Amino acid sequence: MLYLIYGEDAPNSLAQRMANRPAHLTRLQALQEEGRLLLAGPCPAIDCADPGPAGFSGSLIVAEFSSFEEAQHWADADPYKSSGVYAKVSVKPFKKVLPE
């Protein structure tokens, strides 16, 4: 089943985000190589593709996991969470309808 994972960034976490980005991307690339990643990306804090020092407000990941518990465990192990980039992480089941 697909799960939506949304991490909300802590205030002033851009430096931590950039320092932990390689480890974060490595985990996402593993999901992609396994064919389990539907989409992933950050949410700019301002209406701009490159927010510069304004940074990001969070990140969205939609990926396939065998259970809610597996998705939650994966989200809890994210370097952005352990390093304090994310102030809060939500995991929810997700049903893709479109595009088919």
Protein backbone atom coordinates (compact mmCIF):
# COMPACT_ATOMS: atom_id res chain seq x y z
CA MET A 1 0.00 0.00 0.00
CA LEU A 2 1.08 3.59 -0.57
CA TYR A 3 1.77 5.91 2.36
CA LEU A 4 2.14 9.66 2.49
CA ILE A 5 4.95 10.87 4.73
CA TYR A 6 5.04 14.59 5.50
CA GLY A 7 7.84 16.10 7.55
CA GLU A 8 7.36 19.65 8.84
CA ASP A 9 10.63 21.55 9.15
CA ALA A 10 11.66 23.12 12.43
CA PRO A 11 12.33 26.86 12.31
CA ASN A 12 15.81 27.82 11.10
CA SER A 13 16.66 24.25 10.08
CA LEU A 14 18.09 24.96 6.61
CA ALA A 15 21.73 24.38 7.62
CA GLN A 16 20.82 21.04 9.23
CA ARG A 17 18.74 20.13 6.17
CA MET A 18 21.66 20.75 3.83
CA ALA A 19 24.13 18.87 6.07
CA ASN A 20 21.87 15.80 6.20
CA ARG A 21 20.62 15.93 2.61
CA PRO A 22 23.03 13.29 1.18
CA ALA A 23 21.95 10.67 3.76
CA HIS A 24 18.28 11.58 3.26
CA LEU A 25 18.59 11.22 -0.53
CA THR A 26 20.41 7.89 -0.23
CA ARG A 27 17.38 6.42 1.56
CA LEU A 28 15.00 7.82 -1.07
CA GLN A 29 17.17 6.47 -3.89
CA ALA A 30 17.00 3.01 -2.31
CA LEU A 31 13.18 3.19 -2.36
CA GLN A 32 13.33 4.32 -6.00
CA GLU A 33 15.65 1.46 -6.99
CA GLU A 34 13.21 -0.96 -5.35
CA GLY A 35 10.35 0.53 -7.42
CA ARG A 36 8.56 1.73 -4.28
CA LEU A 37 8.88 5.52 -4.58
CA LEU A 38 6.01 7.38 -6.24
CA LEU A 39 7.25 10.92 -5.54
CA ALA A 40 9.37 12.92 -3.14
CA GLY A 41 10.43 16.51 -2.72
CA PRO A 42 10.67 19.54 -0.48
CA CYS A 43 8.15 22.34 0.00
CA PRO A 44 9.81 25.74 -0.48
CA ALA A 45 9.02 28.18 2.33
CA ILE A 46 8.23 30.85 -0.27
CA ASP A 47 6.56 30.72 -3.68
CA CYS A 48 9.78 30.07 -5.57
CA ALA A 49 11.49 26.93 -6.92
CA ASP A 50 14.78 27.98 -5.27
CA PRO A 51 13.88 29.65 -1.97
CA GLY A 52 17.51 30.43 -1.09
CA PRO A 53 17.93 31.40 2.57
CA ALA A 54 14.14 31.23 3.16
CA GLY A 55 14.58 27.47 3.09
CA PHE A 56 11.82 24.91 3.19
CA SER A 57 8.70 24.31 5.25
CA GLY A 58 8.82 20.53 4.94
CA SER A 59 8.99 17.53 2.62
CA LEU A 60 6.49 15.16 1.03
CA ILE A 61 7.18 11.51 0.25
CA VAL A 62 4.71 9.02 -1.23
CA ALA A 63 6.04 5.47 -1.26
CA GLU A 64 4.95 1.86 -1.02
CA PHE A 65 5.35 -0.04 2.24
CA SER A 66 3.96 -3.38 3.37
CA SER A 67 2.24 -1.83 6.39
CA PHE A 68 1.62 1.39 8.29
CA GLU A 69 4.15 0.22 10.89
CA GLU A 70 6.84 -0.24 8.24
CA ALA A 71 6.13 3.22 6.82
CA GLN A 72 6.26 4.76 10.30
CA HIS A 73 9.52 2.95 11.10
CA TRP A 74 11.06 4.16 7.83
CA ALA A 75 9.94 7.74 8.54
CA ASP A 76 11.26 7.60 12.12
CA ALA A 77 14.70 6.55 10.85
CA ASP A 78 15.03 9.49 8.43
CA PRO A 79 18.18 11.58 9.03
CA TYR A 80 16.07 14.74 8.80
CA LYS A 81 14.08 13.56 11.82
CA SER A 82 17.03 12.41 13.92
CA SER A 83 18.99 15.61 13.20
CA GLY A 84 16.12 17.93 14.12
CA VAL A 85 15.29 19.19 10.62
CA TYR A 86 11.76 17.85 11.04
CA ALA A 87 9.81 19.15 14.02
CA LYS A 88 6.92 16.80 13.22
CA VAL A 89 6.40 13.81 10.92
CA SER A 90 3.00 12.51 9.82
CA VAL A 91 2.40 9.15 8.12
CA LYS A 92 -0.94 8.37 6.48
CA PRO A 93 -2.24 5.68 4.14
CA PHE A 94 -2.58 7.07 0.61
CA LYS A 95 -4.79 5.90 -2.25
CA LYS A 96 -3.61 6.98 -5.70
CA VAL A 97 -6.54 7.61 -8.03
CA LEU A 98 -5.04 9.70 -10.87
CA PRO A 99 -3.21 9.53 -13.09
CA GLU A 100 -3.89 5.89 -13.75
